[in-house]
Amino acid sequence: MTNKEVEEKIQQLQLLEQNLQAFLLQKQSFQQQLAEIESALKEIKDSKEVYKIIGNVMLATKKEELKKDLEDRKEKTELRIKTMERQEERTKERAQELQREVLQKIKKK
């Protein structure tokens, strides 16, 4: 492996680290959305009247309709979190692999 190849691998490693940071931020955002959805589901359980915000308007809506909508959003958000975690894991594995390659090259010098 030439010095240029090592430099390229280091650049790839830096890019993977940036990707990991982006995944973390996205995952945190989805986790926050999930917590809000779960909180809303808990709140509507004991409520007689429920409202849904559409744009800048709050409208009365059927409890079951809102519950179904929230459960659908919860399911999609959980799926997004799982997808992010898989991408994050693959990126971590690739970063570790590149790091080992670079360290082996540096040790050989």
C-alpha atoms as a PDB file:
ATOM      1  CA  MET A   1       0.000   0.000   0.000  1.00  0.00           C
ATOM      2  CA  THR A   2       1.485   3.325  -1.056  1.00  0.00           C
ATOM      3  CA  ASN A   3       1.410   6.530   0.934  1.00  0.00           C
ATOM      4  CA  LYS A   4      -1.224   7.858  -1.453  1.00  0.00           C
ATOM      5  CA  GLU A   5      -3.420   4.814  -0.790  1.00  0.00           C
ATOM      6  CA  VAL A   6      -3.007   5.329   2.944  1.00  0.00           C
ATOM      7  CA  GLU A   7      -4.024   8.983   2.569  1.00  0.00           C
ATOM      8  CA  GLU A   8      -7.087   7.939   0.558  1.00  0.00           C
ATOM      9  CA  LYS A   9      -8.067   5.433   3.225  1.00  0.00           C
ATOM     10  CA  ILE A  10      -7.664   8.087   5.914  1.00  0.00           C
ATOM     11  CA  GLN A  11      -9.929  10.394   3.911  1.00  0.00           C
ATOM     12  CA  GLN A  12     -12.465   7.570   3.566  1.00  0.00           C
ATOM     13  CA  LEU A  13     -12.241   7.007   7.299  1.00  0.00           C
ATOM     14  CA  GLN A  14     -12.907  10.691   7.981  1.00  0.00           C
ATOM     15  CA  LEU A  15     -15.911  10.580   5.657  1.00  0.00           C
ATOM     16  CA  LEU A  16     -17.250   7.512   7.461  1.00  0.00           C
ATOM     17  CA  GLU A  17     -16.854   9.335  10.788  1.00  0.00           C
ATOM     18  CA  GLN A  18     -18.854  12.260   9.398  1.00  0.00           C
ATOM     19  CA  ASN A  19     -21.524   9.822   8.207  1.00  0.00           C
ATOM     20  CA  LEU A  20     -21.674   8.276  11.673  1.00  0.00           C
ATOM     21  CA  GLN A  21     -22.238  11.711  13.195  1.00  0.00           C
ATOM     22  CA  ALA A  22     -25.042  12.380  10.695  1.00  0.00           C
ATOM     23  CA  PHE A  23     -26.640   8.996  11.483  1.00  0.00           C
ATOM     24  CA  LEU A  24     -26.475   9.779  15.185  1.00  0.00           C
ATOM     25  CA  LEU A  25     -28.212  13.128  14.730  1.00  0.00           C
ATOM     26  CA  GLN A  26     -30.921  11.612  12.531  1.00  0.00           C
ATOM     27  CA  LYS A  27     -31.456   8.738  14.939  1.00  0.00           C
ATOM     28  CA  GLN A  28     -31.770  11.138  17.864  1.00  0.00           C
ATOM     29  CA  SER A  29     -34.350  13.136  15.913  1.00  0.00           C
ATOM     30  CA  PHE A  30     -36.370   9.985  15.193  1.00  0.00           C
ATOM     31  CA  GLN A  31     -36.101   8.909  18.842  1.00  0.00           C
ATOM     32  CA  GLN A  32     -37.435  12.288  19.919  1.00  0.00           C
ATOM     33  CA  GLN A  33     -40.336  11.967  17.462  1.00  0.00           C
ATOM     34  CA  LEU A  34     -41.032   8.486  18.804  1.00  0.00           C
ATOM     35  CA  ALA A  35     -41.113   9.759  22.392  1.00  0.00           C
ATOM     36  CA  GLU A  36     -43.569  12.509  21.378  1.00  0.00           C
ATOM     37  CA  ILE A  37     -45.809  10.006  19.588  1.00  0.00           C
ATOM     38  CA  GLU A  38     -45.780   7.644  22.573  1.00  0.00           C
ATOM     39  CA  SER A  39     -46.628  10.556  24.862  1.00  0.00           C
ATOM     40  CA  ALA A  40     -49.525  11.579  22.610  1.00  0.00           C
ATOM     41  CA  LEU A  41     -50.828   7.993  22.555  1.00  0.00           C
ATOM     42  CA  LYS A  42     -50.715   7.927  26.350  1.00  0.00           C
ATOM     43  CA  GLU A  43     -52.564  11.249  26.587  1.00  0.00           C
ATOM     44  CA  ILE A  44     -55.418  10.298  24.247  1.00  0.00           C
ATOM     45  CA  LYS A  45     -56.047   7.083  26.182  1.00  0.00           C
ATOM     46  CA  ASP A  46     -57.858   8.954  28.986  1.00  0.00           C
ATOM     47  CA  SER A  47     -59.230  11.841  26.908  1.00  0.00           C
ATOM     48  CA  LYS A  48     -62.838  12.120  25.830  1.00  0.00           C
ATOM     49  CA  GLU A  49     -62.195  14.790  23.214  1.00  0.00           C
ATOM     50  CA  VAL A  50     -59.140  14.785  21.002  1.00  0.00           C
ATOM     51  CA  TYR A  51     -57.802  17.288  18.507  1.00  0.00           C
ATOM     52  CA  LYS A  52     -55.464  17.067  15.564  1.00  0.00           C
ATOM     53  CA  ILE A  53     -53.320  19.924  14.309  1.00  0.00           C
ATOM     54  CA  ILE A  54     -53.372  20.346  10.546  1.00  0.00           C
ATOM     55  CA  GLY A  55     -51.173  23.207   9.440  1.00  0.00           C
ATOM     56  CA  ASN A  56     -52.114  26.122  11.676  1.00  0.00           C
ATOM     57  CA  VAL A  57     -55.566  24.759  12.539  1.00  0.00           C
ATOM     58  CA  MET A  58     -56.574  22.506  15.421  1.00  0.00           C
ATOM     59  CA  LEU A  59     -59.568  20.323  14.568  1.00  0.00           C
ATOM     60  CA  ALA A  60     -61.659  17.986  16.690  1.00  0.00           C
ATOM     61  CA  THR A  61     -61.230  14.447  15.466  1.00  0.00           C
ATOM     62  CA  LYS A  62     -62.331  10.928  16.315  1.00  0.00           C
ATOM     63  CA  LYS A  63     -60.232   9.305  19.001  1.00  0.00           C
ATOM     64  CA  GLU A  64     -59.827   6.023  17.102  1.00  0.00           C
ATOM     65  CA  GLU A  65     -58.829   7.846  13.926  1.00  0.00           C
ATOM     66  CA  LEU A  66     -56.156   9.822  15.755  1.00  0.00           C
ATOM     67  CA  LYS A  67     -54.961   6.719  17.604  1.00  0.00           C
ATOM     68  CA  LYS A  68     -54.591   4.816  14.329  1.00  0.00           C
ATOM     69  CA  ASP A  69     -52.713   7.725  12.759  1.00  0.00           C
ATOM     70  CA  LEU A  70     -50.341   7.950  15.737  1.00  0.00           C
ATOM     71  CA  GLU A  71     -49.752   4.186  15.784  1.00  0.00           C
ATOM     72  CA  ASP A  72     -48.942   4.262  12.048  1.00  0.00           C
ATOM     73  CA  ARG A  73     -46.481   7.117  12.614  1.00  0.00           C
ATOM     74  CA  LYS A  74     -44.982   5.234  15.563  1.00  0.00           C
ATOM     75  CA  GLU A  75     -44.469   2.114  13.440  1.00  0.00           C
ATOM     76  CA  LYS A  76     -42.832   4.106  10.621  1.00  0.00           C
ATOM     77  CA  THR A  77     -40.589   5.961  13.063  1.00  0.00           C
ATOM     78  CA  GLU A  78     -39.488   2.715  14.738  1.00  0.00           C
ATOM     79  CA  LEU A  79     -38.688   1.293  11.292  1.00  0.00           C
ATOM     80  CA  ARG A  80     -36.615   4.376  10.461  1.00  0.00           C
ATOM     81  CA  ILE A  81     -34.691   4.024  13.722  1.00  0.00           C
ATOM     82  CA  LYS A  82     -33.942   0.349  12.984  1.00  0.00           C
ATOM     83  CA  THR A  83     -32.809   1.266   9.463  1.00  0.00           C
ATOM     84  CA  MET A  84     -30.546   3.998  10.840  1.00  0.00           C
ATOM     85  CA  GLU A  85     -29.079   1.560  13.372  1.00  0.00           C
ATOM     86  CA  ARG A  86     -28.294  -0.967  10.612  1.00  0.00           C
ATOM     87  CA  GLN A  87     -26.651   1.723   8.475  1.00  0.00           C
ATOM     88  CA  GLU A  88     -24.748   2.963  11.495  1.00  0.00           C
ATOM     89  CA  GLU A  89     -23.509  -0.553  12.300  1.00  0.00           C
ATOM     90  CA  ARG A  90     -22.347  -1.189   8.715  1.00  0.00           C
ATOM     91  CA  THR A  91     -20.553   2.161   8.668  1.00  0.00           C
ATOM     92  CA  LYS A  92     -18.842   1.410  11.999  1.00  0.00           C
ATOM     93  CA  GLU A  93     -17.673  -1.969  10.683  1.00  0.00           C
ATOM     94  CA  ARG A  94     -16.262  -0.372   7.523  1.00  0.00           C
ATOM     95  CA  ALA A  95     -14.537   2.337   9.589  1.00  0.00           C
ATOM     96  CA  GLN A  96     -12.949  -0.279  11.856  1.00  0.00           C
ATOM     97  CA  GLU A  97     -11.778  -2.230   8.817  1.00  0.00           C
ATOM     98  CA  LEU A  98     -10.191   0.877   7.266  1.00  0.00           C
ATOM     99  CA  GLN A  99      -8.624   1.824  10.581  1.00  0.00           C
ATOM    100  CA  ARG A 100      -7.001  -1.635  10.873  1.00  0.00           C
ATOM    101  CA  GLU A 101      -5.647  -1.364   7.312  1.00  0.00           C
ATOM    102  CA  VAL A 102      -4.165   2.076   7.962  1.00  0.00           C
ATOM    103  CA  LEU A 103      -2.642   1.039  11.303  1.00  0.00           C
ATOM    104  CA  GLN A 104      -1.068  -2.055   9.719  1.00  0.00           C
ATOM    105  CA  LYS A 105       0.479   0.089   7.012  1.00  0.00           C
ATOM    106  CA  ILE A 106       1.785   2.618   9.531  1.00  0.00           C
ATOM    107  CA  LYS A 107       3.301  -0.149  11.700  1.00  0.00           C
ATOM    108  CA  LYS A 108       5.138  -1.623   8.706  1.00  0.00           C
ATOM    109  CA  LYS A 109       6.995   1.641   8.069  1.00  0.00           C
END
